[in-house]
Amino acid sequence: MTIKLFDFVGSFAENKDIAQSIRKDFLVPAISNNEDIVLDFEKVDSATQSFIHALISDLFRSHDNILDKIVFKNCNETVQKIIQIVTEYMQEA
């Protein structure tokens, strides 16, 4: 499953309610169906830590090796750093 985040958030991914909706409506069902997920950040210039956290943190809590199922695609350097901060934090927790 590929999710083009720009279609939901525009160029700035900040709304954690939208992130939670994406997680509940798309990510959780895809993981339950054993599908791989591509989160496509094309045209997304930036994201907040809280958006990324709301998008993926519950998946870390409920699924082992979740990063084996998710690909972060077309991330610019800013978005890459934020994803890295959140994923490292969740792996330590």
PDB file of N, CA and C in Angstrom:
ATOM      1  N   MET A   1       0.843  -1.173   0.000  1.00  0.00           N
ATOM      2  CA  MET A   1       0.000   0.000   0.000  1.00  0.00           C
ATOM      3  C   MET A   1       0.893   1.241   0.000  1.00  0.00           C
ATOM      4  N   THR A   2       0.582   2.176  -0.866  1.00  0.00           N
ATOM      5  CA  THR A   2       1.302   3.450  -0.901  1.00  0.00           C
ATOM      6  C   THR A   2       0.361   4.561  -0.463  1.00  0.00           C
ATOM      7  N   ILE A   3       0.846   5.383   0.464  1.00  0.00           N
ATOM      8  CA  ILE A   3       0.076   6.527   0.947  1.00  0.00           C
ATOM      9  C   ILE A   3       0.844   7.779   0.590  1.00  0.00           C
ATOM     10  N   LYS A   4       0.256   8.603  -0.259  1.00  0.00           N
ATOM     11  CA  LYS A   4       0.859   9.871  -0.653  1.00  0.00           C
ATOM     12  C   LYS A   4       0.418  10.926   0.363  1.00  0.00           C
ATOM     13  N   LEU A   5       1.310  11.238   1.270  1.00  0.00           N
ATOM     14  CA  LEU A   5       0.952  12.105   2.394  1.00  0.00           C
ATOM     15  C   LEU A   5       0.559  13.514   1.968  1.00  0.00           C
ATOM     16  N   PHE A   6       1.130  14.003   0.881  1.00  0.00           N
ATOM     17  CA  PHE A   6       0.780  15.346   0.411  1.00  0.00           C
ATOM     18  C   PHE A   6      -0.729  15.473   0.185  1.00  0.00           C
ATOM     19  N   ASP A   7      -1.348  14.406  -0.283  1.00  0.00           N
ATOM     20  CA  ASP A   7      -2.794  14.432  -0.538  1.00  0.00           C
ATOM     21  C   ASP A   7      -3.605  14.673   0.734  1.00  0.00           C
ATOM     22  N   PHE A   8      -3.033  14.351   1.880  1.00  0.00           N
ATOM     23  CA  PHE A   8      -3.728  14.516   3.157  1.00  0.00           C
ATOM     24  C   PHE A   8      -3.307  15.779   3.901  1.00  0.00           C
ATOM     25  N   VAL A   9      -2.023  16.169   3.748  1.00  0.00           N
ATOM     26  CA  VAL A   9      -1.481  17.222   4.613  1.00  0.00           C
ATOM     27  C   VAL A   9      -0.921  18.430   3.876  1.00  0.00           C
ATOM     28  N   GLY A  10      -0.786  18.356   2.579  1.00  0.00           N
ATOM     29  CA  GLY A  10      -0.144  19.441   1.851  1.00  0.00           C
ATOM     30  C   GLY A  10       1.362  19.418   2.075  1.00  0.00           C
ATOM     31  N   SER A  11       2.002  20.554   1.955  1.00  0.00           N
ATOM     32  CA  SER A  11       3.469  20.589   2.024  1.00  0.00           C
ATOM     33  C   SER A  11       4.024  20.584   3.445  1.00  0.00           C
ATOM     34  N   PHE A  12       3.160  20.791   4.440  1.00  0.00           N
ATOM     35  CA  PHE A  12       3.625  20.800   5.836  1.00  0.00           C
ATOM     36  C   PHE A  12       2.782  19.835   6.659  1.00  0.00           C
ATOM     37  N   ALA A  13       3.380  18.730   7.054  1.00  0.00           N
ATOM     38  CA  ALA A  13       2.688  17.699   7.822  1.00  0.00           C
ATOM     39  C   ALA A  13       2.766  18.045   9.303  1.00  0.00           C
ATOM     40  N   GLU A  14       1.682  18.608   9.832  1.00  0.00           N
ATOM     41  CA  GLU A  14       1.693  19.051  11.219  1.00  0.00           C
ATOM     42  C   GLU A  14       0.487  18.609  12.035  1.00  0.00           C
ATOM     43  N   ASN A  15      -0.601  18.291  11.387  1.00  0.00           N
ATOM     44  CA  ASN A  15      -1.839  18.012  12.107  1.00  0.00           C
ATOM     45  C   ASN A  15      -1.843  16.566  12.606  1.00  0.00           C
ATOM     46  N   LYS A  16      -1.692  16.410  13.917  1.00  0.00           N
ATOM     47  CA  LYS A  16      -1.603  15.059  14.467  1.00  0.00           C
ATOM     48  C   LYS A  16      -2.934  14.316  14.396  1.00  0.00           C
ATOM     49  N   ASP A  17      -4.053  15.031  14.321  1.00  0.00           N
ATOM     50  CA  ASP A  17      -5.344  14.358  14.153  1.00  0.00           C
ATOM     51  C   ASP A  17      -5.417  13.674  12.784  1.00  0.00           C
ATOM     52  N   ILE A  18      -4.869  14.332  11.764  1.00  0.00           N
ATOM     53  CA  ILE A  18      -4.819  13.719  10.433  1.00  0.00           C
ATOM     54  C   ILE A  18      -3.881  12.515  10.462  1.00  0.00           C
ATOM     55  N   ALA A  19      -2.753  12.650  11.147  1.00  0.00           N
ATOM     56  CA  ALA A  19      -1.809  11.531  11.269  1.00  0.00           C
ATOM     57  C   ALA A  19      -2.482  10.334  11.936  1.00  0.00           C
ATOM     58  N   GLN A  20      -3.240  10.579  12.988  1.00  0.00           N
ATOM     59  CA  GLN A  20      -3.947   9.494  13.672  1.00  0.00           C
ATOM     60  C   GLN A  20      -4.975   8.840  12.757  1.00  0.00           C
ATOM     61  N   SER A  21      -5.662   9.645  11.958  1.00  0.00           N
ATOM     62  CA  SER A  21      -6.638   9.106  11.006  1.00  0.00           C
ATOM     63  C   SER A  21      -5.962   8.232   9.961  1.00  0.00           C
ATOM     64  N   ILE A  22      -4.842   8.699   9.436  1.00  0.00           N
ATOM     65  CA  ILE A  22      -4.102   7.908   8.450  1.00  0.00           C
ATOM     66  C   ILE A  22      -3.674   6.584   9.076  1.00  0.00           C
ATOM     67  N   ARG A  23      -3.176   6.658  10.302  1.00  0.00           N
ATOM     68  CA  ARG A  23      -2.742   5.440  10.987  1.00  0.00           C
ATOM     69  C   ARG A  23      -3.911   4.466  11.157  1.00  0.00           C
ATOM     70  N   LYS A  24      -5.023   4.956  11.688  1.00  0.00           N
ATOM     71  CA  LYS A  24      -6.167   4.084  11.975  1.00  0.00           C
ATOM     72  C   LYS A  24      -6.846   3.567  10.708  1.00  0.00           C
ATOM     73  N   ASP A  25      -7.000   4.446   9.715  1.00  0.00           N
ATOM     74  CA  ASP A  25      -7.764   4.091   8.516  1.00  0.00           C
ATOM     75  C   ASP A  25      -6.955   3.308   7.482  1.00  0.00           C
ATOM     76  N   PHE A  26      -5.631   3.496   7.460  1.00  0.00           N
ATOM     77  CA  PHE A  26      -4.825   2.883   6.412  1.00  0.00           C
ATOM     78  C   PHE A  26      -3.712   1.974   6.945  1.00  0.00           C
ATOM     79  N   LEU A  27      -2.924   2.495   7.894  1.00  0.00           N
ATOM     80  CA  LEU A  27      -1.752   1.742   8.336  1.00  0.00           C
ATOM     81  C   LEU A  27      -2.124   0.495   9.126  1.00  0.00           C
ATOM     82  N   VAL A  28      -2.986   0.644  10.100  1.00  0.00           N
ATOM     83  CA  VAL A  28      -3.363  -0.504  10.934  1.00  0.00           C
ATOM     84  C   VAL A  28      -4.008  -1.615  10.097  1.00  0.00           C
ATOM     85  N   PRO A  29      -4.969  -1.290   9.225  1.00  0.00           N
ATOM     86  CA  PRO A  29      -5.529  -2.368   8.396  1.00  0.00           C
ATOM     87  C   PRO A  29      -4.491  -3.019   7.472  1.00  0.00           C
ATOM     88  N   ALA A  30      -3.589  -2.219   6.919  1.00  0.00           N
ATOM     89  CA  ALA A  30      -2.558  -2.784   6.031  1.00  0.00           C
ATOM     90  C   ALA A  30      -1.646  -3.731   6.797  1.00  0.00           C
ATOM     91  N   ILE A  31      -1.234  -3.326   7.991  1.00  0.00           N
ATOM     92  CA  ILE A  31      -0.382  -4.188   8.817  1.00  0.00           C
ATOM     93  C   ILE A  31      -1.148  -5.458   9.197  1.00  0.00           C
ATOM     94  N   SER A  32      -2.411  -5.328   9.533  1.00  0.00           N
ATOM     95  CA  SER A  32      -3.227  -6.496   9.889  1.00  0.00           C
ATOM     96  C   SER A  32      -3.345  -7.479   8.730  1.00  0.00           C
ATOM     97  N   ASN A  33      -3.304  -6.937   7.507  1.00  0.00           N
ATOM     98  CA  ASN A  33      -3.372  -7.775   6.308  1.00  0.00           C
ATOM     99  C   ASN A  33      -1.989  -8.197   5.817  1.00  0.00           C
ATOM    100  N   ASN A  34      -0.972  -7.920   6.647  1.00  0.00           N
ATOM    101  CA  ASN A  34       0.412  -8.280   6.330  1.00  0.00           C
ATOM    102  C   ASN A  34       0.927  -7.605   5.053  1.00  0.00           C
ATOM    103  N   GLU A  35       0.435  -6.403   4.777  1.00  0.00           N
ATOM    104  CA  GLU A  35       0.890  -5.637   3.613  1.00  0.00           C
ATOM    105  C   GLU A  35       2.077  -4.770   3.997  1.00  0.00           C
ATOM    106  N   ASP A  36       2.961  -4.555   3.042  1.00  0.00           N
ATOM    107  CA  ASP A  36       4.012  -3.559   3.220  1.00  0.00           C
ATOM    108  C   ASP A  36       3.413  -2.187   2.960  1.00  0.00           C
ATOM    109  N   ILE A  37       3.977  -1.172   3.604  1.00  0.00           N
ATOM    110  CA  ILE A  37       3.455   0.183   3.497  1.00  0.00           C
ATOM    111  C   ILE A  37       4.545   1.102   2.982  1.00  0.00           C
ATOM    112  N   VAL A  38       4.189   1.937   2.012  1.00  0.00           N
ATOM    113  CA  VAL A  38       5.078   2.987   1.537  1.00  0.00           C
ATOM    114  C   VAL A  38       4.444   4.315   1.931  1.00  0.00           C
ATOM    115  N   LEU A  39       5.155   5.066   2.766  1.00  0.00           N
ATOM    116  CA  LEU A  39       4.718   6.420   3.119  1.00  0.00           C
ATOM    117  C   LEU A  39       5.495   7.363   2.212  1.00  0.00           C
ATOM    118  N   ASP A  40       4.809   7.910   1.232  1.00  0.00           N
ATOM    119  CA  ASP A  40       5.429   8.742   0.204  1.00  0.00           C
ATOM    120  C   ASP A  40       5.317  10.214   0.601  1.00  0.00           C
ATOM    121  N   PHE A  41       6.474  10.815   0.854  1.00  0.00           N
ATOM    122  CA  PHE A  41       6.534  12.214   1.293  1.00  0.00           C
ATOM    123  C   PHE A  41       6.823  13.181   0.147  1.00  0.00           C
ATOM    124  N   GLU A  42       6.577  12.754  -1.083  1.00  0.00           N
ATOM    125  CA  GLU A  42       6.796  13.637  -2.227  1.00  0.00           C
ATOM    126  C   GLU A  42       6.005  14.927  -2.046  1.00  0.00           C
ATOM    127  N   LYS A  43       6.671  16.057  -2.265  1.00  0.00           N
ATOM    128  CA  LYS A  43       6.105  17.416  -2.154  1.00  0.00           C
ATOM    129  C   LYS A  43       5.849  17.851  -0.709  1.00  0.00           C
ATOM    130  N   VAL A  44       6.152  17.009   0.274  1.00  0.00           N
ATOM    131  CA  VAL A  44       6.035  17.417   1.682  1.00  0.00           C
ATOM    132  C   VAL A  44       7.381  18.034   2.071  1.00  0.00           C
ATOM    133  N   ASP A  45       7.362  19.332   2.355  1.00  0.00           N
ATOM    134  CA  ASP A  45       8.602  20.066   2.656  1.00  0.00           C
ATOM    135  C   ASP A  45       9.080  19.860   4.078  1.00  0.00           C
ATOM    136  N   SER A  46       8.130  19.677   5.002  1.00  0.00           N
ATOM    137  CA  SER A  46       8.503  19.522   6.406  1.00  0.00           C
ATOM    138  C   SER A  46       7.387  18.805   7.156  1.00  0.00           C
ATOM    139  N   ALA A  47       7.759  18.295   8.310  1.00  0.00           N
ATOM    140  CA  ALA A  47       6.801  17.611   9.181  1.00  0.00           C
ATOM    141  C   ALA A  47       7.206  17.888  10.616  1.00  0.00           C
ATOM    142  N   THR A  48       6.237  17.882  11.502  1.00  0.00           N
ATOM    143  CA  THR A  48       6.557  18.043  12.914  1.00  0.00           C
ATOM    144  C   THR A  48       6.804  16.670  13.526  1.00  0.00           C
ATOM    145  N   GLN A  49       7.543  16.687  14.617  1.00  0.00           N
ATOM    146  CA  GLN A  49       7.785  15.453  15.356  1.00  0.00           C
ATOM    147  C   GLN A  49       6.472  14.862  15.840  1.00  0.00           C
ATOM    148  N   SER A  50       5.556  15.715  16.263  1.00  0.00           N
ATOM    149  CA  SER A  50       4.282  15.211  16.777  1.00  0.00           C
ATOM    150  C   SER A  50       3.460  14.545  15.672  1.00  0.00           C
ATOM    151  N   PHE A  51       3.554  15.034  14.445  1.00  0.00           N
ATOM    152  CA  PHE A  51       2.853  14.391  13.331  1.00  0.00           C
ATOM    153  C   PHE A  51       3.411  12.991  13.092  1.00  0.00           C
ATOM    154  N   ILE A  52       4.731  12.877  12.981  1.00  0.00           N
ATOM    155  CA  ILE A  52       5.356  11.582  12.733  1.00  0.00           C
ATOM    156  C   ILE A  52       5.092  10.634  13.894  1.00  0.00           C
ATOM    157  N   HIS A  53       5.170  11.151  15.101  1.00  0.00           N
ATOM    158  CA  HIS A  53       4.899  10.332  16.287  1.00  0.00           C
ATOM    159  C   HIS A  53       3.470   9.796  16.250  1.00  0.00           C
ATOM    160  N   ALA A  54       2.502  10.664  15.959  1.00  0.00           N
ATOM    161  CA  ALA A  54       1.100  10.235  15.895  1.00  0.00           C
ATOM    162  C   ALA A  54       0.877   9.246  14.750  1.00  0.00           C
ATOM    163  N   LEU A  55       1.654   9.373  13.698  1.00  0.00           N
ATOM    164  CA  LEU A  55       1.510   8.509  12.536  1.00  0.00           C
ATOM    165  C   LEU A  55       1.995   7.084  12.811  1.00  0.00           C
ATOM    166  N   ILE A  56       3.128   6.941  13.520  1.00  0.00           N
ATOM    167  CA  ILE A  56       3.741   5.608  13.600  1.00  0.00           C
ATOM    168  C   ILE A  56       3.991   5.055  15.006  1.00  0.00           C
ATOM    169  N   SER A  57       3.925   5.884  16.035  1.00  0.00           N
ATOM    170  CA  SER A  57       4.350   5.403  17.360  1.00  0.00           C
ATOM    171  C   SER A  57       3.522   4.224  17.869  1.00  0.00           C
ATOM    172  N   ASP A  58       2.221   4.230  17.689  1.00  0.00           N
ATOM    173  CA  ASP A  58       1.399   3.115  18.158  1.00  0.00           C
ATOM    174  C   ASP A  58       1.756   1.814  17.442  1.00  0.00           C
ATOM    175  N   LEU A  59       2.212   1.924  16.207  1.00  0.00           N
ATOM    176  CA  LEU A  59       2.619   0.723  15.469  1.00  0.00           C
ATOM    177  C   LEU A  59       3.852   0.093  16.103  1.00  0.00           C
ATOM    178  N   PHE A  60       4.757   0.928  16.615  1.00  0.00           N
ATOM    179  CA  PHE A  60       5.937   0.416  17.313  1.00  0.00           C
ATOM    180  C   PHE A  60       5.533  -0.333  18.572  1.00  0.00           C
ATOM    181  N   ARG A  61       4.521   0.176  19.258  1.00  0.00           N
ATOM    182  CA  ARG A  61       4.085  -0.436  20.509  1.00  0.00           C
ATOM    183  C   ARG A  61       3.371  -1.766  20.287  1.00  0.00           C
ATOM    184  N   SER A  62       2.700  -1.885  19.149  1.00  0.00           N
ATOM    185  CA  SER A  62       1.844  -3.055  18.949  1.00  0.00           C
ATOM    186  C   SER A  62       2.391  -4.100  17.971  1.00  0.00           C
ATOM    187  N   HIS A  63       3.493  -3.784  17.279  1.00  0.00           N
ATOM    188  CA  HIS A  63       4.038  -4.726  16.294  1.00  0.00           C
ATOM    189  C   HIS A  63       5.553  -4.782  16.401  1.00  0.00           C
ATOM    190  N   ASP A  64       6.068  -5.984  16.422  1.00  0.00           N
ATOM    191  CA  ASP A  64       7.517  -6.168  16.414  1.00  0.00           C
ATOM    192  C   ASP A  64       8.057  -5.896  15.008  1.00  0.00           C
ATOM    193  N   ASN A  65       9.260  -5.361  14.940  1.00  0.00           N
ATOM    194  CA  ASN A  65       9.948  -5.139  13.664  1.00  0.00           C
ATOM    195  C   ASN A  65       9.114  -4.360  12.649  1.00  0.00           C
ATOM    196  N   ILE A  66       8.391  -3.362  13.116  1.00  0.00           N
ATOM    197  CA  ILE A  66       7.496  -2.607  12.235  1.00  0.00           C
ATOM    198  C   ILE A  66       8.257  -1.900  11.114  1.00  0.00           C
ATOM    199  N   LEU A  67       9.504  -1.531  11.365  1.00  0.00           N
ATOM    200  CA  LEU A  67      10.263  -0.842  10.319  1.00  0.00           C
ATOM    201  C   LEU A  67      10.577  -1.749   9.139  1.00  0.00           C
ATOM    202  N   ASP A  68      10.412  -3.059   9.312  1.00  0.00           N
ATOM    203  CA  ASP A  68      10.564  -3.978   8.184  1.00  0.00           C
ATOM    204  C   ASP A  68       9.363  -3.910   7.248  1.00  0.00           C
ATOM    205  N   LYS A  69       8.268  -3.336   7.712  1.00  0.00           N
ATOM    206  CA  LYS A  69       7.033  -3.266   6.931  1.00  0.00           C
ATOM    207  C   LYS A  69       6.762  -1.891   6.337  1.00  0.00           C
ATOM    208  N   ILE A  70       7.532  -0.863   6.762  1.00  0.00           N
ATOM    209  CA  ILE A  70       7.266   0.507   6.330  1.00  0.00           C
ATOM    210  C   ILE A  70       8.473   1.052   5.577  1.00  0.00           C
ATOM    211  N   VAL A  71       8.203   1.663   4.422  1.00  0.00           N
ATOM    212  CA  VAL A  71       9.230   2.363   3.656  1.00  0.00           C
ATOM    213  C   VAL A  71       8.856   3.845   3.643  1.00  0.00           C
ATOM    214  N   PHE A  72       9.817   4.687   3.974  1.00  0.00           N
ATOM    215  CA  PHE A  72       9.636   6.137   3.911  1.00  0.00           C
ATOM    216  C   PHE A  72      10.260   6.594   2.593  1.00  0.00           C
ATOM    217  N   LYS A  73       9.435   7.086   1.680  1.00  0.00           N
ATOM    218  CA  LYS A  73       9.876   7.387   0.315  1.00  0.00           C
ATOM    219  C   LYS A  73       9.820   8.892   0.047  1.00  0.00           C
ATOM    220  N   ASN A  74      10.750   9.353  -0.784  1.00  0.00           N
ATOM    221  CA  ASN A  74      10.793  10.752  -1.240  1.00  0.00           C
ATOM    222  C   ASN A  74      10.874  11.752  -0.092  1.00  0.00           C
ATOM    223  N   CYS A  75      11.636  11.416   0.929  1.00  0.00           N
ATOM    224  CA  CYS A  75      11.808  12.314   2.077  1.00  0.00           C
ATOM    225  C   CYS A  75      12.985  13.252   1.819  1.00  0.00           C
ATOM    226  N   ASN A  76      12.755  14.534   1.993  1.00  0.00           N
ATOM    227  CA  ASN A  76      13.885  15.459   1.926  1.00  0.00           C
ATOM    228  C   ASN A  76      14.678  15.343   3.230  1.00  0.00           C
ATOM    229  N   GLU A  77      15.765  16.053   3.330  1.00  0.00           N
ATOM    230  CA  GLU A  77      16.650  15.934   4.492  1.00  0.00           C
ATOM    231  C   GLU A  77      15.946  16.300   5.792  1.00  0.00           C
ATOM    232  N   THR A  78      15.125  17.326   5.757  1.00  0.00           N
ATOM    233  CA  THR A  78      14.401  17.763   6.956  1.00  0.00           C
ATOM    234  C   THR A  78      13.470  16.667   7.459  1.00  0.00           C
ATOM    235  N   VAL A  79      12.681  16.114   6.562  1.00  0.00           N
ATOM    236  CA  VAL A  79      11.735  15.061   6.932  1.00  0.00           C
ATOM    237  C   VAL A  79      12.487  13.812   7.392  1.00  0.00           C
ATOM    238  N   GLN A  80      13.587  13.478   6.714  1.00  0.00           N
ATOM    239  CA  GLN A  80      14.389  12.319   7.109  1.00  0.00           C
ATOM    240  C   GLN A  80      14.860  12.446   8.550  1.00  0.00           C
ATOM    241  N   LYS A  81      15.334  13.625   8.920  1.00  0.00           N
ATOM    242  CA  LYS A  81      15.839  13.838  10.286  1.00  0.00           C
ATOM    243  C   LYS A  81      14.731  13.664  11.317  1.00  0.00           C
ATOM    244  N   ILE A  82      13.565  14.170  11.018  1.00  0.00           N
ATOM    245  CA  ILE A  82      12.450  14.063  11.963  1.00  0.00           C
ATOM    246  C   ILE A  82      12.010  12.607  12.111  1.00  0.00           C
ATOM    247  N   ILE A  83      11.930  11.893  11.003  1.00  0.00           N
ATOM    248  CA  ILE A  83      11.579  10.475  11.068  1.00  0.00           C
ATOM    249  C   ILE A  83      12.626   9.715  11.868  1.00  0.00           C
ATOM    250  N   GLN A  84      13.883  10.031  11.652  1.00  0.00           N
ATOM    251  CA  GLN A  84      14.965   9.357  12.377  1.00  0.00           C
ATOM    252  C   GLN A  84      14.860   9.606  13.878  1.00  0.00           C
ATOM    253  N   ILE A  85      14.573  10.840  14.266  1.00  0.00           N
ATOM    254  CA  ILE A  85      14.437  11.164  15.689  1.00  0.00           C
ATOM    255  C   ILE A  85      13.310  10.328  16.310  1.00  0.00           C
ATOM    256  N   VAL A  86      12.176  10.279  15.639  1.00  0.00           N
ATOM    257  CA  VAL A  86      11.015   9.565  16.200  1.00  0.00           C
ATOM    258  C   VAL A  86      11.278   8.056  16.214  1.00  0.00           C
ATOM    259  N   THR A  87      11.825   7.508  15.156  1.00  0.00           N
ATOM    260  CA  THR A  87      12.048   6.058  15.121  1.00  0.00           C
ATOM    261  C   THR A  87      13.108   5.632  16.145  1.00  0.00           C
ATOM    262  N   GLU A  88      14.139   6.434  16.294  1.00  0.00           N
ATOM    263  CA  GLU A  88      15.158   6.100  17.302  1.00  0.00           C
ATOM    264  C   GLU A  88      14.557   6.158  18.704  1.00  0.00           C
ATOM    265  N   TYR A  89      13.752   7.161  18.965  1.00  0.00           N
ATOM    266  CA  TYR A  89      13.104   7.288  20.266  1.00  0.00           C
ATOM    267  C   TYR A  89      12.196   6.088  20.531  1.00  0.00           C
ATOM    268  N   MET A  90      11.430   5.677  19.537  1.00  0.00           N
ATOM    269  CA  MET A  90      10.499   4.563  19.734  1.00  0.00           C
ATOM    270  C   MET A  90      11.245   3.240  19.905  1.00  0.00           C
ATOM    271  N   GLN A  91      12.376   3.083  19.266  1.00  0.00           N
ATOM    272  CA  GLN A  91      13.140   1.847  19.424  1.00  0.00           C
ATOM    273  C   GLN A  91      13.763   1.751  20.807  1.00  0.00           C
ATOM    274  N   GLU A  92      14.091   2.903  21.394  1.00  0.00           N
ATOM    275  CA  GLU A  92      14.676   2.928  22.732  1.00  0.00           C
ATOM    276  C   GLU A  92      13.622   2.719  23.814  1.00  0.00           C
ATOM    277  N   ALA A  93      12.401   3.152  23.515  1.00  0.00           N
ATOM    278  CA  ALA A  93      11.321   3.108  24.522  1.00  0.00           C
ATOM    279  C   ALA A  93      10.870   1.704  24.820  1.00  0.00           C
TER     280      ALA A  93
END
